[in-house]
Amino acid sequence: MEKETDVVIVGTGAAGLFCALQLPESKEITVITKDEARNSDSFLAQGGICVLRSEDDYDRYFEDTMKAGHYRNNKKSVEMMIRSSGEIIELLLGYGVEFERRNGELAYTREGGHSQPRILFHEDATGKEITGRLLEEARKRRNITIYEHTEMIDILCKDNVCYGVVTADSRGIVRPVWAGHTVFACGGIGGLYQHSTNFAHLTGDGLAMALRHKIKLQDVNFVQIHPTTLYSEKPGRRFLISESVRGEGAVLYNAHMERFVDELLPRDVVTRAIEEQMKADGKPYVWLSMEHIAREDILSHFPNILRRCREEGYDVTKECIPVVPGQHYFMGGVQSDLEGRTSMGRLYAVGETSCNGVHGANRLASNSLLESLVFARRAAMDIAGAVTEKKEKYTELFSPEQYQEIDKLQQENHALVRQEIERMKEAYEQQHNHDVKCR
């Protein structure tokens, strides 16, 4: 059975849910997700969300973001994100999001790459607090319908205009969802990696659709490795040890229990230092110590990290824990402008799936939630103001018979994305080496 809707959103992370909530309640909104609605990487975010605290901090915040991104950022995107941050925080507070407070005032922390404390947080589970509240609000809205265990396997498009998506549910039933506007908010690419902090079902589906239908991509060679994930020999997703742990005073030790790096440098710099140290030590990990953080602060600020490490046999209040770099975030994606518009008509991309250049070559800590919400809101506002509302149906675009082998199609999509990332990495490295030789 086919479905018609005003807007279809692929993904239930912070970007997808926020986009849905910012759209007028007069629009029928259909949201799909491959897994349970709560199983998005946004829910896993530990550290926090950045905000411009005052005009005095604007230049430093802008420079911190640009420096972390190796100055390959889109300056207009960075400015838009920073200038919109206060409004986003007010909206979140309106949805009931609870940030840490001290003496009744919002509390701020600092993470790697930040020159000032400007990060709001909720314990060490900020993503869960924000995205959980957004999901609660979305479930209340009569105009928003969420379909779990429903996967996008193709898009419906003609003459470079998108008219919706093709979905497959958990029973393998394939059906079209015709929509006036389509939003990709389907997360990152961690499921394509052996070691990642991401959920395994996040496999770059938006990128695969872009490659299949000649939608422009950008910076797909920019893949961020997080310096500190909990080392384990068990298979599966790696547990993230938040940047904010180091922001609060945790230090890194080598095999001889010696510090070897400034822990507050940008993530890629710390990652390289750890990898070099592991090679020098002949060990598959280095040590992270929270000895300089008061026990009461660990209990209040990092309860989930404390609990998870104890499950692995480590007590962070008494001993060091082994950590190793792991794939964490994707700065590239489907090319989008400041309103989330892609190179295909009526198709938008927001969140980690998209790339408007805001992060450059390396994301600054705790900019991801903010970036997702800022540009999801802008996409919603653009859709709300669009003149074209009619939901055309071109029946020739959909034939159930062409989607009989879904598993094979998924494997082909994964291969397409992997190949494109590697191709762009090689091209970037060749260009970079050429630039170095020319200097």
Protein backbone atom coordinates (compact mmCIF):
# COMPACT_ATOMS: atom_id res chain seq x y z
CA MET A 1 0.00 0.00 0.00
CA GLU A 2 1.40 3.39 -0.97
CA LYS A 3 1.30 6.54 1.15
CA GLU A 4 1.04 10.25 0.43
CA THR A 5 2.34 12.91 2.80
CA ASP A 6 3.39 16.55 2.77
CA VAL A 7 6.90 15.89 4.06
CA VAL A 8 8.81 12.65 4.52
CA ILE A 9 11.84 12.72 6.82
CA VAL A 10 14.35 9.88 6.85
CA GLY A 11 15.81 9.57 10.35
CA THR A 12 14.83 10.13 13.99
CA GLY A 13 17.98 11.74 15.30
CA ALA A 14 18.15 15.31 16.54
CA ALA A 15 18.08 16.78 13.01
CA GLY A 16 15.12 14.75 11.77
CA LEU A 17 12.98 15.24 14.86
CA PHE A 18 13.77 18.94 15.19
CA CYS A 19 12.95 19.49 11.53
CA ALA A 20 9.59 17.77 12.01
CA LEU A 21 8.79 19.86 15.09
CA GLN A 22 9.66 23.13 13.36
CA LEU A 23 7.27 22.46 10.47
CA PRO A 24 3.70 23.81 10.67
CA GLU A 25 1.24 21.49 12.39
CA SER A 26 -1.00 21.89 9.35
CA LYS A 27 1.39 19.69 7.36
CA GLU A 28 1.23 15.90 7.43
CA ILE A 29 4.71 14.66 8.30
CA THR A 30 5.93 11.09 7.92
CA VAL A 31 9.17 10.10 9.65
CA ILE A 32 10.86 6.76 9.01
CA THR A 33 13.81 5.09 10.74
CA LYS A 34 15.67 1.84 10.10
CA ASP A 35 15.67 0.82 13.77
CA GLU A 36 13.85 1.93 16.89
CA ALA A 37 13.35 5.68 17.01
CA ARG A 38 15.69 6.05 19.99
CA ASN A 39 18.55 4.28 18.26
CA SER A 40 20.20 7.24 16.58
CA ASP A 41 23.69 8.56 17.16
CA SER A 42 22.18 11.77 18.49
CA PHE A 43 20.99 9.79 21.52
CA LEU A 44 24.59 8.66 22.12
CA ALA A 45 26.09 12.17 22.25
CA GLN A 46 27.72 12.62 25.64
CA GLY A 47 29.57 15.91 25.77
CA GLY A 48 27.13 18.74 25.16
CA ILE A 49 25.97 21.51 22.84
CA CYS A 50 27.81 24.77 22.16
CA VAL A 51 26.27 28.21 22.48
CA LEU A 52 27.48 31.75 21.98
CA ARG A 53 27.39 33.12 25.52
CA SER A 54 28.04 36.75 24.60
CA GLU A 55 29.19 38.88 21.69
CA ASP A 56 32.62 39.06 23.34
CA ASP A 57 33.11 35.36 22.60
CA TYR A 58 32.03 35.42 18.95
CA ASP A 59 35.47 35.89 17.39
CA ARG A 60 37.04 33.22 19.60
CA TYR A 61 34.24 30.73 18.95
CA PHE A 62 34.48 31.39 15.20
CA GLU A 63 38.27 30.95 15.25
CA ASP A 64 38.06 27.75 17.35
CA THR A 65 35.66 26.22 14.83
CA MET A 66 37.76 27.30 11.84
CA LYS A 67 41.02 26.12 13.41
CA ALA A 68 39.59 22.70 14.27
CA GLY A 69 38.34 22.43 10.68
CA HIS A 70 41.78 23.31 9.29
CA TYR A 71 40.22 26.43 7.78
CA ARG A 72 38.39 24.39 5.16
CA ASN A 73 35.05 25.46 6.68
CA ASN A 74 32.38 27.46 4.91
CA LYS A 75 32.56 30.75 6.80
CA LYS A 76 28.92 31.63 6.11
CA SER A 77 27.79 28.29 7.57
CA VAL A 78 29.95 28.79 10.66
CA GLU A 79 28.58 32.29 11.19
CA MET A 80 24.99 31.08 10.75
CA MET A 81 25.50 28.26 13.26
CA ILE A 82 27.06 30.48 15.91
CA ARG A 83 24.60 33.37 15.50
CA SER A 84 21.62 30.97 15.70
CA SER A 85 22.82 29.12 18.81
CA GLY A 86 21.01 31.24 21.41
CA GLU A 87 17.67 30.83 19.66
CA ILE A 88 18.17 27.06 19.45
CA ILE A 89 18.90 26.79 23.18
CA GLU A 90 15.75 28.78 23.99
CA LEU A 91 13.69 26.41 21.84
CA LEU A 92 15.22 23.39 23.59
CA LEU A 93 14.49 24.84 27.00
CA GLY A 94 10.92 25.35 25.80
CA TYR A 95 10.69 21.63 24.99
CA GLY A 96 11.75 20.86 28.56
CA VAL A 97 15.41 20.05 27.99
CA GLU A 98 17.26 20.21 31.30
CA PHE A 99 20.84 21.46 31.22
CA GLU A 100 23.22 21.45 34.20
CA ARG A 101 22.79 24.45 36.45
CA ARG A 102 24.86 25.88 39.28
CA ASN A 103 23.24 28.27 41.72
CA GLY A 104 20.26 28.42 39.40
CA GLU A 105 22.31 29.55 36.39
CA LEU A 106 23.23 27.48 33.34
CA ALA A 107 26.62 25.81 33.77
CA TYR A 108 29.19 25.65 30.98
CA THR A 109 32.06 23.26 30.37
CA ARG A 110 35.00 23.26 27.98
CA GLU A 111 36.24 20.56 25.62
CA GLY A 112 39.19 19.99 23.32
CA GLY A 113 39.80 22.79 20.81
CA HIS A 114 37.71 25.35 22.74
CA SER A 115 39.39 28.48 24.08
CA GLN A 116 36.51 29.17 26.48
CA PRO A 117 33.83 27.21 28.39
CA ARG A 118 30.75 27.52 26.14
CA ILE A 119 29.20 24.04 26.23
CA LEU A 120 25.89 23.26 27.91
CA PHE A 121 25.43 19.69 29.10
CA HIS A 122 23.22 17.22 30.93
CA GLU A 123 25.45 14.88 32.94
CA ASP A 124 27.31 12.85 30.29
CA ALA A 125 24.18 12.12 28.29
CA THR A 126 23.31 15.42 26.62
CA GLY A 127 22.25 13.77 23.37
CA LYS A 128 19.85 11.49 25.18
CA GLU A 129 18.33 14.42 27.07
CA ILE A 130 17.86 16.58 23.98
CA THR A 131 16.79 13.92 21.49
CA GLY A 132 14.64 12.14 24.05
CA ARG A 133 12.70 15.35 24.70
CA LEU A 134 12.31 15.97 20.97
CA LEU A 135 11.00 12.43 20.46
CA GLU A 136 8.49 12.87 23.29
CA GLU A 137 7.25 16.08 21.70
CA ALA A 138 7.07 14.54 18.21
CA ARG A 139 4.99 11.62 19.50
CA LYS A 140 2.46 14.14 20.89
CA ARG A 141 1.94 15.84 17.55
CA ARG A 142 -1.09 14.52 15.67
CA ASN A 143 0.42 15.56 12.34
CA ILE A 144 3.64 13.54 12.85
CA THR A 145 3.68 9.78 12.23
CA ILE A 146 6.82 7.79 12.99
CA TYR A 147 7.43 4.42 11.33
CA GLU A 148 10.14 2.35 13.03
CA HIS A 149 12.03 -0.52 11.37
CA THR A 150 11.31 1.10 8.02
CA GLU A 151 14.20 1.61 5.65
CA MET A 152 14.68 3.92 2.69
CA ILE A 153 15.86 1.76 -0.20
CA ASP A 154 15.45 4.30 -3.01
CA ILE A 155 14.03 7.71 -3.85
CA LEU A 156 11.29 8.61 -6.29
CA CYS A 157 12.66 11.20 -8.68
CA LYS A 158 12.23 12.56 -12.19
CA ASP A 159 14.03 15.35 -14.06
CA ASN A 160 16.15 16.04 -10.95
CA VAL A 161 13.12 16.57 -8.70
CA CYS A 162 12.39 14.32 -5.72
CA TYR A 163 8.83 13.10 -5.15
CA GLY A 164 9.39 10.90 -2.10
CA VAL A 165 11.08 7.66 -1.12
CA VAL A 166 10.73 3.91 -1.54
CA THR A 167 10.61 2.08 1.80
CA ALA A 168 10.91 -1.49 3.02
CA ASP A 169 9.58 -2.57 6.41
CA SER A 170 10.80 -5.35 8.71
CA ARG A 171 8.71 -7.90 6.78
CA GLY A 172 10.33 -6.87 3.51
CA ILE A 173 7.17 -5.20 2.21
CA VAL A 174 8.11 -2.46 -0.25
CA ARG A 175 5.98 0.64 -0.80
CA PRO A 176 6.36 4.20 -2.08
CA VAL A 177 5.87 7.26 0.10
CA TRP A 178 4.96 10.19 -2.17
CA ALA A 179 5.83 13.56 -0.65
CA GLY A 180 5.84 17.23 -1.51
CA HIS A 181 9.27 17.50 0.13
CA THR A 182 11.82 14.93 1.27
CA VAL A 183 14.43 15.38 4.01
CA PHE A 184 17.49 13.18 4.43
CA ALA A 185 18.39 13.10 8.14
CA CYS A 186 19.69 9.55 8.12
CA GLY A 187 22.90 9.96 10.11
CA GLY A 188 26.46 8.95 9.46
CA ILE A 189 28.53 6.10 8.10
CA GLY A 190 29.79 4.25 11.19
CA GLY A 191 28.13 0.98 10.22
CA LEU A 192 30.60 0.69 7.36
CA TYR A 193 33.52 0.47 9.81
CA GLN A 194 34.73 -2.37 11.95
CA HIS A 195 35.42 -0.06 14.90
CA SER A 196 33.05 2.85 15.42
CA THR A 197 31.09 4.63 18.13
CA ASN A 198 28.07 4.70 15.79
CA PHE A 199 25.10 2.34 15.60
CA ALA A 200 25.70 -0.42 13.07
CA HIS A 201 22.57 0.38 11.03
CA LEU A 202 23.92 3.83 10.08
CA THR A 203 25.51 3.04 6.75
CA GLY A 204 25.39 6.23 4.70
CA ASP A 205 22.04 5.59 3.02
CA GLY A 206 21.67 9.22 1.99
CA LEU A 207 25.07 9.10 0.30
CA ALA A 208 24.12 5.92 -1.54
CA MET A 209 20.97 7.58 -2.89
CA ALA A 210 23.06 10.57 -3.96
CA LEU A 211 25.53 8.38 -5.82
CA ARG A 212 22.76 6.44 -7.54
CA HIS A 213 20.86 9.54 -8.65
CA LYS A 214 23.70 12.00 -9.31
CA ILE A 215 22.99 14.27 -6.36
CA LYS A 216 26.05 16.32 -5.41
CA LEU A 217 28.24 15.21 -2.52
CA GLN A 218 30.87 17.22 -0.65
CA ASP A 219 33.99 16.43 1.41
CA VAL A 220 33.26 12.71 1.78
CA ASN A 221 36.95 12.14 2.51
CA PHE A 222 36.58 13.99 5.84
CA VAL A 223 35.93 11.24 8.39
CA GLN A 224 36.57 12.05 12.04
CA ILE A 225 38.24 9.59 14.36
CA HIS A 226 37.52 10.17 18.05
CA PRO A 227 40.67 9.91 20.20
CA THR A 228 39.16 8.10 23.15
CA THR A 229 36.85 5.12 22.97
CA LEU A 230 36.94 2.44 25.62
CA TYR A 231 39.29 -0.31 24.47
CA SER A 232 37.68 -3.74 24.25
CA GLU A 233 38.37 -6.98 22.47
CA LYS A 234 34.64 -7.59 22.13
CA PRO A 235 33.07 -7.06 18.68
CA GLY A 236 30.54 -4.30 18.04
CA ARG A 237 30.12 -0.58 18.71
CA ARG A 238 32.80 1.07 20.81
CA PHE A 239 31.80 3.05 23.90
CA LEU A 240 32.75 6.71 23.65
CA ILE A 241 34.68 8.39 26.44
CA SER A 242 33.50 11.96 26.04
CA GLU A 243 35.74 14.87 25.15
CA SER A 244 34.36 16.64 28.20
CA VAL A 245 36.19 14.18 30.47
CA ARG A 246 39.46 15.66 29.25
CA GLY A 247 37.89 19.11 29.35
CA GLU A 248 37.33 18.60 33.08
CA GLY A 249 40.92 17.50 33.69
CA ALA A 250 41.44 13.86 32.64
CA VAL A 251 44.92 13.11 31.26
CA LEU A 252 46.44 10.57 28.87
CA TYR A 253 49.36 8.33 29.84
CA ASN A 254 51.60 6.03 27.82
CA ALA A 255 52.69 2.55 28.90
CA HIS A 256 55.19 4.12 31.34
CA MET A 257 52.45 6.27 32.89
CA GLU A 258 53.87 9.46 31.37
CA ARG A 259 51.78 12.23 29.78
CA PHE A 260 52.54 12.56 26.08
CA VAL A 261 50.10 15.13 24.65
CA ASP A 262 48.07 18.23 25.47
CA GLU A 263 44.67 16.60 25.94
CA LEU A 264 42.75 19.72 24.91
CA LEU A 265 44.14 19.96 21.39
CA PRO A 266 41.69 19.28 18.50
CA ARG A 267 40.58 15.68 18.09
CA ASP A 268 42.62 14.84 15.02
CA VAL A 269 45.82 16.09 16.69
CA VAL A 270 45.18 14.06 19.84
CA THR A 271 44.27 11.04 17.73
CA ARG A 272 47.57 11.17 15.84
CA ALA A 273 49.49 11.50 19.10
CA ILE A 274 47.72 8.45 20.56
CA GLU A 275 48.32 6.37 17.44
CA GLU A 276 52.02 7.28 17.46
CA GLN A 277 52.24 6.47 21.17
CA MET A 278 50.53 3.08 20.74
CA LYS A 279 53.04 2.24 18.02
CA ALA A 280 55.97 3.32 20.21
CA ASP A 281 54.60 1.36 23.20
CA GLY A 282 53.67 -1.69 21.16
CA LYS A 283 50.23 -1.60 22.80
CA PRO A 284 46.71 -1.48 21.27
CA TYR A 285 45.68 1.31 23.69
CA VAL A 286 46.89 4.12 25.94
CA TRP A 287 45.69 5.00 29.43
CA LEU A 288 43.18 7.67 30.42
CA SER A 289 43.21 8.84 34.03
CA MET A 290 40.51 10.85 35.85
CA GLU A 291 42.67 11.24 38.95
CA HIS A 292 42.54 15.05 38.71
CA ILE A 293 38.72 15.13 38.70
CA ALA A 294 37.03 15.14 42.11
CA ARG A 295 35.10 11.96 42.88
CA GLU A 296 31.87 13.91 43.42
CA ASP A 297 32.28 15.57 40.02
CA ILE A 298 32.72 12.18 38.35
CA LEU A 299 29.57 10.90 40.04
CA SER A 300 27.49 13.94 39.03
CA HIS A 301 28.93 14.78 35.59
CA PHE A 302 29.90 11.36 34.24
CA PRO A 303 27.56 8.76 35.78
CA ASN A 304 27.05 6.82 32.53
CA ILE A 305 30.75 6.62 31.79
CA LEU A 306 31.33 5.47 35.37
CA ARG A 307 28.65 2.78 35.03
CA ARG A 308 29.76 1.55 31.60
CA CYS A 309 33.41 1.32 32.62
CA ARG A 310 32.45 -0.64 35.73
CA GLU A 311 30.61 -3.09 33.47
CA GLU A 312 33.93 -3.61 31.69
CA GLY A 313 35.74 -4.10 35.01
CA TYR A 314 37.21 -0.62 35.54
CA ASP A 315 36.53 1.87 38.33
CA VAL A 316 37.39 5.29 36.92
CA THR A 317 37.44 6.81 40.42
CA LYS A 318 40.36 4.56 41.36
CA GLU A 319 42.21 3.50 38.21
CA CYS A 320 43.10 4.33 34.64
CA ILE A 321 41.10 2.95 31.73
CA PRO A 322 42.44 1.80 28.34
CA VAL A 323 41.33 3.93 25.39
CA VAL A 324 41.83 3.74 21.63
CA PRO A 325 40.78 5.97 18.68
CA GLY A 326 37.64 4.91 16.78
CA GLN A 327 35.55 6.22 13.85
CA HIS A 328 33.15 8.74 15.28
CA TYR A 329 31.78 11.40 12.97
CA PHE A 330 31.37 12.23 9.29
CA MET A 331 32.02 15.83 8.24
CA GLY A 332 31.21 15.23 4.55
CA GLY A 333 27.87 14.26 3.05
CA VAL A 334 25.15 15.30 0.66
CA GLN A 335 25.97 18.85 -0.41
CA SER A 336 23.50 21.35 1.05
CA ASP A 337 23.13 25.10 1.34
CA LEU A 338 22.22 27.18 4.39
CA GLU A 339 18.57 26.10 4.01
CA GLY A 340 19.43 22.42 3.68
CA ARG A 341 18.60 22.38 -0.03
CA THR A 342 20.48 19.83 -2.15
CA SER A 343 21.24 19.79 -5.87
CA MET A 344 17.94 17.92 -6.43
CA GLY A 345 14.67 19.83 -6.30
CA ARG A 346 12.43 19.30 -3.23
CA LEU A 347 15.16 17.24 -1.55
CA TYR A 348 16.82 18.50 1.65
CA ALA A 349 19.66 17.10 3.75
CA VAL A 350 20.33 17.95 7.41
CA GLY A 351 22.45 16.63 10.25
CA GLU A 352 25.38 14.29 9.75
CA THR A 353 24.02 13.16 6.38
CA SER A 354 24.49 16.67 4.99
CA CYS A 355 27.51 18.84 4.31
CA ASN A 356 27.25 22.61 4.21
CA GLY A 357 30.92 23.01 5.10
CA VAL A 358 30.36 24.13 8.68
CA HIS A 359 32.81 21.60 10.16
CA GLY A 360 35.54 21.81 7.54
CA ALA A 361 38.01 18.94 7.69
CA ASN A 362 37.51 18.21 11.40
CA ARG A 363 34.53 18.95 13.67
CA LEU A 364 35.04 20.99 16.80
CA ALA A 365 33.75 19.17 19.88
CA SER A 366 30.04 19.68 20.69
CA ASN A 367 29.27 21.56 17.48
CA SER A 368 27.41 18.58 16.00
CA LEU A 369 24.15 18.83 17.95
CA LEU A 370 24.06 22.58 17.44
CA GLU A 371 24.77 22.33 13.71
CA SER A 372 22.10 19.66 13.27
CA LEU A 373 19.43 21.74 15.00
CA VAL A 374 20.31 25.06 13.38
CA PHE A 375 20.11 23.80 9.82
CA ALA A 376 17.21 21.42 10.46
CA ARG A 377 15.22 24.44 11.60
CA ARG A 378 16.29 26.43 8.54
CA ALA A 379 15.24 23.57 6.25
CA ALA A 380 11.85 23.38 7.97
CA MET A 381 11.34 27.12 7.55
CA ASP A 382 12.27 26.88 3.87
CA ILE A 383 9.86 24.00 3.30
CA ALA A 384 7.10 25.85 5.16
CA GLY A 385 7.52 28.84 2.89
CA ALA A 386 7.78 26.89 -0.37
CA VAL A 387 5.25 27.78 -3.04
CA THR A 388 5.20 24.29 -4.56
CA GLU A 389 2.99 22.09 -2.40
CA LYS A 390 1.48 19.65 -4.87
CA LYS A 391 2.48 15.99 -4.39
CA GLU A 392 2.85 14.66 -7.93
CA LYS A 393 2.74 10.91 -8.43
CA TYR A 394 4.56 9.43 -11.37
CA THR A 395 3.51 5.81 -11.22
CA GLU A 396 6.16 4.79 -13.73
CA LEU A 397 8.83 5.63 -11.14
CA PHE A 398 7.80 2.78 -8.87
CA SER A 399 7.62 -0.91 -9.59
CA PRO A 400 7.77 -3.37 -6.65
CA GLU A 401 9.42 -5.98 -8.86
CA GLN A 402 12.65 -3.96 -9.10
CA TYR A 403 13.17 -4.24 -5.34
CA GLN A 404 12.93 -8.00 -4.91
CA GLU A 405 16.52 -8.44 -3.70
CA ILE A 406 16.73 -5.90 -0.89
CA ASP A 407 19.79 -7.47 0.77
CA LYS A 408 21.70 -7.30 -2.50
CA LEU A 409 20.65 -3.68 -2.97
CA GLN A 410 21.87 -2.81 0.53
CA GLN A 411 25.24 -4.45 -0.12
CA GLU A 412 25.59 -2.54 -3.37
CA ASN A 413 24.77 0.72 -1.58
CA HIS A 414 27.38 0.05 1.12
CA ALA A 415 29.99 -0.75 -1.52
CA LEU A 416 29.16 2.44 -3.44
CA VAL A 417 29.68 4.62 -0.36
CA ARG A 418 32.91 2.87 0.70
CA GLN A 419 34.35 3.21 -2.80
CA GLU A 420 33.47 6.91 -3.01
CA ILE A 421 35.04 7.67 0.38
CA GLU A 422 38.25 5.88 -0.57
CA ARG A 423 38.30 7.51 -4.01
CA MET A 424 37.95 10.98 -2.54
CA LYS A 425 40.56 10.26 0.16
CA GLU A 426 43.09 9.27 -2.51
CA ALA A 427 42.27 12.33 -4.60
CA TYR A 428 42.60 14.62 -1.57
CA GLU A 429 45.91 13.10 -0.51
CA GLN A 430 47.32 13.42 -4.03
CA GLN A 431 46.24 17.07 -4.20
CA HIS A 432 47.58 17.77 -0.72
CA ASN A 433 50.95 16.20 -1.57
CA HIS A 434 51.05 18.26 -4.74
CA ASP A 435 50.34 21.45 -2.80
CA VAL A 436 53.12 20.65 -0.33
CA LYS A 437 55.63 20.07 -3.14
CA CYS A 438 54.65 23.38 -4.77
CA ARG A 439 55.35 25.42 -1.63
